Structures are given as C-alpha cells and as structure tokens.
Amino acid sequence: MSHDRKDPPPQGTPTECVESESTRKARKSHESENLDDALEETFPASDPVSPFVPARKPED
C-alpha cells in the first residue's frame, strides 16, 4: 500500500517524523517534477479555441 507523507502515521508510531536532508530534497524534486508534468498535460486545453470561421469566397 502506498503511503503519502500527509497521511496520519499508523497507531503506535511516534508522531514526530525525522526526514534527512537528502530525503527531503529527493521528495521535493519528485513533487516538482509531478507538478511540471501535470501543468504540461493541461496544454493546449487551457487555450480557448478560436470561434472565427472564415467565410466562403463569393462565387461570381
């Protein structure tokens, strides 16, 4: 089962979590990469579709 750092700790474990500097940097880097990927996936959906429809050339 996956554990999220925001999940409460299991019963019987200390509530104070000690995180090493290297673990913290790795976690922050992973979070940043996930946010960048999520942002990239929103494009071009965030750009509205142009409602302009060109008129046909009149026939002579």
PDB file of N, CA and C in Angstrom:
ATOM      1  N   MET A   1       0.842  -1.178   0.000  1.00  0.00           N
ATOM      2  CA  MET A   1       0.000   0.000   0.000  1.00  0.00           C
ATOM      3  C   MET A   1       0.889   1.243   0.000  1.00  0.00           C
ATOM      4  N   SER A   2       0.524   2.207  -0.805  1.00  0.00           N
ATOM      5  CA  SER A   2       1.293   3.442  -0.916  1.00  0.00           C
ATOM      6  C   SER A   2       1.024   4.341   0.283  1.00  0.00           C
ATOM      7  N   HIS A   3       2.051   5.050   0.681  1.00  0.00           N
ATOM      8  CA  HIS A   3       1.921   5.945   1.833  1.00  0.00           C
ATOM      9  C   HIS A   3       2.233   7.366   1.390  1.00  0.00           C
ATOM     10  N   ASP A   4       1.329   8.279   1.653  1.00  0.00           N
ATOM     11  CA  ASP A   4       1.514   9.691   1.358  1.00  0.00           C
ATOM     12  C   ASP A   4       2.034  10.371   2.610  1.00  0.00           C
ATOM     13  N   ARG A   5       2.940  11.321   2.457  1.00  0.00           N
ATOM     14  CA  ARG A   5       3.520  11.966   3.642  1.00  0.00           C
ATOM     15  C   ARG A   5       2.474  12.723   4.447  1.00  0.00           C
ATOM     16  N   LYS A   6       1.326  13.019   3.842  1.00  0.00           N
ATOM     17  CA  LYS A   6       0.269  13.733   4.564  1.00  0.00           C
ATOM     18  C   LYS A   6      -0.677  12.780   5.298  1.00  0.00           C
ATOM     19  N   ASP A   7      -0.526  11.484   5.047  1.00  0.00           N
ATOM     20  CA  ASP A   7      -1.336  10.509   5.769  1.00  0.00           C
ATOM     21  C   ASP A   7      -0.920  10.487   7.232  1.00  0.00           C
ATOM     22  N   PRO A   8      -1.881  10.262   8.127  1.00  0.00           N
ATOM     23  CA  PRO A   8      -1.501  10.166   9.531  1.00  0.00           C
ATOM     24  C   PRO A   8      -0.646   8.911   9.760  1.00  0.00           C
ATOM     25  N   PRO A   9       0.270   8.970  10.707  1.00  0.00           N
ATOM     26  CA  PRO A   9       1.103   7.795  10.961  1.00  0.00           C
ATOM     27  C   PRO A   9       0.275   6.660  11.557  1.00  0.00           C
ATOM     28  N   PRO A  10       0.688   5.409  11.340  1.00  0.00           N
ATOM     29  CA  PRO A  10      -0.034   4.283  11.935  1.00  0.00           C
ATOM     30  C   PRO A  10      -0.014   4.386  13.465  1.00  0.00           C
ATOM     31  N   GLN A  11      -1.015   3.825  14.077  1.00  0.00           N
ATOM     32  CA  GLN A  11      -1.078   3.870  15.543  1.00  0.00           C
ATOM     33  C   GLN A  11       0.141   3.185  16.139  1.00  0.00           C
ATOM     34  N   GLY A  12       0.649   3.778  17.198  1.00  0.00           N
ATOM     35  CA  GLY A  12       1.775   3.203  17.900  1.00  0.00           C
ATOM     36  C   GLY A  12       3.122   3.716  17.418  1.00  0.00           C
ATOM     37  N   THR A  13       3.132   4.521  16.353  1.00  0.00           N
ATOM     38  CA  THR A  13       4.398   5.081  15.872  1.00  0.00           C
ATOM     39  C   THR A  13       4.520   6.513  16.371  1.00  0.00           C
ATOM     40  N   PRO A  14       5.735   6.972  16.583  1.00  0.00           N
ATOM     41  CA  PRO A  14       5.903   8.358  17.038  1.00  0.00           C
ATOM     42  C   PRO A  14       5.340   9.335  16.001  1.00  0.00           C
ATOM     43  N   THR A  15       4.726  10.406  16.473  1.00  0.00           N
ATOM     44  CA  THR A  15       4.128  11.379  15.558  1.00  0.00           C
ATOM     45  C   THR A  15       5.175  12.300  14.958  1.00  0.00           C
ATOM     46  N   GLU A  16       6.342  12.368  15.566  1.00  0.00           N
ATOM     47  CA  GLU A  16       7.390  13.224  15.042  1.00  0.00           C
ATOM     48  C   GLU A  16       8.154  12.466  13.960  1.00  0.00           C
ATOM     49  N   CYS A  17       8.161  13.001  12.772  1.00  0.00           N
ATOM     50  CA  CYS A  17       8.834  12.359  11.651  1.00  0.00           C
ATOM     51  C   CYS A  17      10.144  13.087  11.384  1.00  0.00           C
ATOM     52  N   VAL A  18      11.222  12.354  11.404  1.00  0.00           N
ATOM     53  CA  VAL A  18      12.524  12.937  11.122  1.00  0.00           C
ATOM     54  C   VAL A  18      12.881  12.584   9.685  1.00  0.00           C
ATOM     55  N   GLU A  19      13.125  13.609   8.893  1.00  0.00           N
ATOM     56  CA  GLU A  19      13.425  13.414   7.483  1.00  0.00           C
ATOM     57  C   GLU A  19      14.828  13.955   7.213  1.00  0.00           C
ATOM     58  N   SER A  20      15.662  13.132   6.606  1.00  0.00           N
ATOM     59  CA  SER A  20      17.024  13.583   6.318  1.00  0.00           C
ATOM     60  C   SER A  20      16.983  14.635   5.209  1.00  0.00           C
ATOM     61  N   GLU A  21      18.040  15.406   5.116  1.00  0.00           N
ATOM     62  CA  GLU A  21      18.117  16.466   4.108  1.00  0.00           C
ATOM     63  C   GLU A  21      18.076  15.880   2.698  1.00  0.00           C
ATOM     64  N   SER A  22      18.764  14.761   2.468  1.00  0.00           N
ATOM     65  CA  SER A  22      18.768  14.155   1.135  1.00  0.00           C
ATOM     66  C   SER A  22      17.379  13.601   0.776  1.00  0.00           C
ATOM     67  N   THR A  23      16.673  13.027   1.762  1.00  0.00           N
ATOM     68  CA  THR A  23      15.322  12.527   1.517  1.00  0.00           C
ATOM     69  C   THR A  23      14.378  13.675   1.205  1.00  0.00           C
ATOM     70  N   ARG A  24      14.527  14.770   1.933  1.00  0.00           N
ATOM     71  CA  ARG A  24      13.684  15.945   1.715  1.00  0.00           C
ATOM     72  C   ARG A  24      13.906  16.505   0.311  1.00  0.00           C
ATOM     73  N   LYS A  25      15.173  16.623  -0.120  1.00  0.00           N
ATOM     74  CA  LYS A  25      15.476  17.147  -1.446  1.00  0.00           C
ATOM     75  C   LYS A  25      14.912  16.243  -2.530  1.00  0.00           C
ATOM     76  N   ALA A  26      15.032  14.926  -2.347  1.00  0.00           N
ATOM     77  CA  ALA A  26      14.504  13.973  -3.325  1.00  0.00           C
ATOM     78  C   ALA A  26      12.979  14.078  -3.404  1.00  0.00           C
ATOM     79  N   ARG A  27      12.333  14.195  -2.243  1.00  0.00           N
ATOM     80  CA  ARG A  27      10.863  14.313  -2.218  1.00  0.00           C
ATOM     81  C   ARG A  27      10.412  15.596  -2.898  1.00  0.00           C
ATOM     82  N   LYS A  28      11.080  16.710  -2.591  1.00  0.00           N
ATOM     83  CA  LYS A  28      10.708  17.991  -3.181  1.00  0.00           C
ATOM     84  C   LYS A  28      10.936  17.981  -4.693  1.00  0.00           C
ATOM     85  N   SER A  29      12.027  17.358  -5.130  1.00  0.00           N
ATOM     86  CA  SER A  29      12.315  17.262  -6.553  1.00  0.00           C
ATOM     87  C   SER A  29      11.237  16.440  -7.261  1.00  0.00           C
ATOM     88  N   HIS A  30      10.841  15.326  -6.643  1.00  0.00           N
ATOM     89  CA  HIS A  30       9.794  14.475  -7.214  1.00  0.00           C
ATOM     90  C   HIS A  30       8.468  15.232  -7.285  1.00  0.00           C
ATOM     91  N   GLU A  31       8.125  15.969  -6.235  1.00  0.00           N
ATOM     92  CA  GLU A  31       6.892  16.766  -6.234  1.00  0.00           C
ATOM     93  C   GLU A  31       6.929  17.803  -7.350  1.00  0.00           C
ATOM     94  N   SER A  32       8.059  18.456  -7.503  1.00  0.00           N
ATOM     95  CA  SER A  32       8.202  19.481  -8.522  1.00  0.00           C
ATOM     96  C   SER A  32       8.046  18.882  -9.922  1.00  0.00           C
ATOM     97  N   GLU A  33       8.656  17.726 -10.153  1.00  0.00           N
ATOM     98  CA  GLU A  33       8.528  17.057 -11.446  1.00  0.00           C
ATOM     99  C   GLU A  33       7.073  16.682 -11.717  1.00  0.00           C
ATOM    100  N   ASN A  34       6.386  16.182 -10.705  1.00  0.00           N
ATOM    101  CA  ASN A  34       4.975  15.819 -10.872  1.00  0.00           C
ATOM    102  C   ASN A  34       4.126  17.042 -11.209  1.00  0.00           C
ATOM    103  N   LEU A  35       4.391  18.166 -10.548  1.00  0.00           N
ATOM    104  CA  LEU A  35       3.639  19.386 -10.831  1.00  0.00           C
ATOM    105  C   LEU A  35       3.926  19.888 -12.245  1.00  0.00           C
ATOM    106  N   ASP A  36       5.186  19.824 -12.668  1.00  0.00           N
ATOM    107  CA  ASP A  36       5.535  20.240 -14.026  1.00  0.00           C
ATOM    108  C   ASP A  36       4.838  19.369 -15.059  1.00  0.00           C
ATOM    109  N   ASP A  37       4.825  18.050 -14.830  1.00  0.00           N
ATOM    110  CA  ASP A  37       4.150  17.137 -15.753  1.00  0.00           C
ATOM    111  C   ASP A  37       2.655  17.426 -15.817  1.00  0.00           C
ATOM    112  N   ALA A  38       2.045  17.662 -14.675  1.00  0.00           N
ATOM    113  CA  ALA A  38       0.613  17.949 -14.634  1.00  0.00           C
ATOM    114  C   ALA A  38       0.303  19.250 -15.371  1.00  0.00           C
ATOM    115  N   LEU A  39       1.159  20.249 -15.203  1.00  0.00           N
ATOM    116  CA  LEU A  39       0.956  21.518 -15.893  1.00  0.00           C
ATOM    117  C   LEU A  39       1.077  21.345 -17.399  1.00  0.00           C
ATOM    118  N   GLU A  40       2.075  20.590 -17.848  1.00  0.00           N
ATOM    119  CA  GLU A  40       2.251  20.350 -19.281  1.00  0.00           C
ATOM    120  C   GLU A  40       1.051  19.624 -19.878  1.00  0.00           C
ATOM    121  N   GLU A  41       0.431  18.743 -19.108  1.00  0.00           N
ATOM    122  CA  GLU A  41      -0.717  17.980 -19.611  1.00  0.00           C
ATOM    123  C   GLU A  41      -1.964  18.845 -19.766  1.00  0.00           C
ATOM    124  N   THR A  42      -1.984  20.017 -19.158  1.00  0.00           N
ATOM    125  CA  THR A  42      -3.158  20.879 -19.278  1.00  0.00           C
ATOM    126  C   THR A  42      -3.162  21.671 -20.571  1.00  0.00           C
ATOM    127  N   PHE A  43      -2.031  21.721 -21.280  1.00  0.00           N
ATOM    128  CA  PHE A  43      -1.956  22.475 -22.520  1.00  0.00           C
ATOM    129  C   PHE A  43      -2.196  21.559 -23.701  1.00  0.00           C
ATOM    130  N   PRO A  44      -2.830  21.956 -24.738  1.00  0.00           N
ATOM    131  CA  PRO A  44      -3.370  23.269 -25.044  1.00  0.00           C
ATOM    132  C   PRO A  44      -4.798  23.466 -24.557  1.00  0.00           C
ATOM    133  N   ALA A  45      -5.268  22.597 -23.698  1.00  0.00           N
ATOM    134  CA  ALA A  45      -6.651  22.697 -23.224  1.00  0.00           C
ATOM    135  C   ALA A  45      -6.936  24.034 -22.552  1.00  0.00           C
ATOM    136  N   SER A  46      -5.930  24.681 -22.002  1.00  0.00           N
ATOM    137  CA  SER A  46      -6.156  25.951 -21.337  1.00  0.00           C
ATOM    138  C   SER A  46      -6.298  27.098 -22.331  1.00  0.00           C
ATOM    139  N   ASP A  47      -5.887  26.869 -23.579  1.00  0.00           N
ATOM    140  CA  ASP A  47      -6.029  27.899 -24.609  1.00  0.00           C
ATOM    141  C   ASP A  47      -7.388  27.739 -25.278  1.00  0.00           C
ATOM    142  N   PRO A  48      -8.190  28.800 -25.284  1.00  0.00           N
ATOM    143  CA  PRO A  48      -9.519  28.668 -25.883  1.00  0.00           C
ATOM    144  C   PRO A  48      -9.447  28.460 -27.397  1.00  0.00           C
ATOM    145  N   VAL A  49     -10.408  27.757 -27.913  1.00  0.00           N
ATOM    146  CA  VAL A  49     -10.499  27.530 -29.346  1.00  0.00           C
ATOM    147  C   VAL A  49     -11.016  28.805 -29.982  1.00  0.00           C
ATOM    148  N   SER A  50     -10.445  29.182 -31.101  1.00  0.00           N
ATOM    149  CA  SER A  50     -10.881  30.391 -31.790  1.00  0.00           C
ATOM    150  C   SER A  50     -12.265  30.165 -32.393  1.00  0.00           C
ATOM    151  N   PRO A  51     -13.216  31.063 -32.112  1.00  0.00           N
ATOM    152  CA  PRO A  51     -14.557  30.902 -32.673  1.00  0.00           C
ATOM    153  C   PRO A  51     -14.656  31.407 -34.115  1.00  0.00           C
ATOM    154  N   PHE A  52     -13.575  31.946 -34.662  1.00  0.00           N
ATOM    155  CA  PHE A  52     -13.587  32.510 -36.006  1.00  0.00           C
ATOM    156  C   PHE A  52     -13.730  31.413 -37.045  1.00  0.00           C
ATOM    157  N   VAL A  53     -14.712  31.581 -37.923  1.00  0.00           N
ATOM    158  CA  VAL A  53     -14.907  30.660 -39.042  1.00  0.00           C
ATOM    159  C   VAL A  53     -14.842  31.504 -40.303  1.00  0.00           C
ATOM    160  N   PRO A  54     -13.858  31.268 -41.168  1.00  0.00           N
ATOM    161  CA  PRO A  54     -13.742  32.102 -42.371  1.00  0.00           C
ATOM    162  C   PRO A  54     -14.944  31.909 -43.299  1.00  0.00           C
ATOM    163  N   ALA A  55     -15.363  33.011 -43.903  1.00  0.00           N
ATOM    164  CA  ALA A  55     -16.487  32.961 -44.833  1.00  0.00           C
ATOM    165  C   ALA A  55     -16.020  32.390 -46.166  1.00  0.00           C
ATOM    166  N   ARG A  56     -16.932  31.809 -46.866  1.00  0.00           N
ATOM    167  CA  ARG A  56     -16.592  31.280 -48.190  1.00  0.00           C
ATOM    168  C   ARG A  56     -16.454  32.439 -49.177  1.00  0.00           C
ATOM    169  N   LYS A  57     -15.599  32.210 -50.126  1.00  0.00           N
ATOM    170  CA  LYS A  57     -15.397  33.208 -51.169  1.00  0.00           C
ATOM    171  C   LYS A  57     -16.650  33.238 -52.052  1.00  0.00           C
ATOM    172  N   PRO A  58     -17.204  34.439 -52.267  1.00  0.00           N
ATOM    173  CA  PRO A  58     -18.418  34.511 -53.104  1.00  0.00           C
ATOM    174  C   PRO A  58     -18.139  34.031 -54.534  1.00  0.00           C
ATOM    175  N   GLU A  59     -19.073  33.292 -55.077  1.00  0.00           N
ATOM    176  CA  GLU A  59     -18.936  32.810 -56.457  1.00  0.00           C
ATOM    177  C   GLU A  59     -19.493  33.850 -57.393  1.00  0.00           C
ATOM    178  N   ASP A  60     -18.801  34.096 -58.455  1.00  0.00           N
ATOM    179  CA  ASP A  60     -19.263  35.097 -59.454  1.00  0.00           C
ATOM    180  C   ASP A  60     -20.180  34.503 -60.458  1.00  0.00           C
TER     181      ASP A  60
END
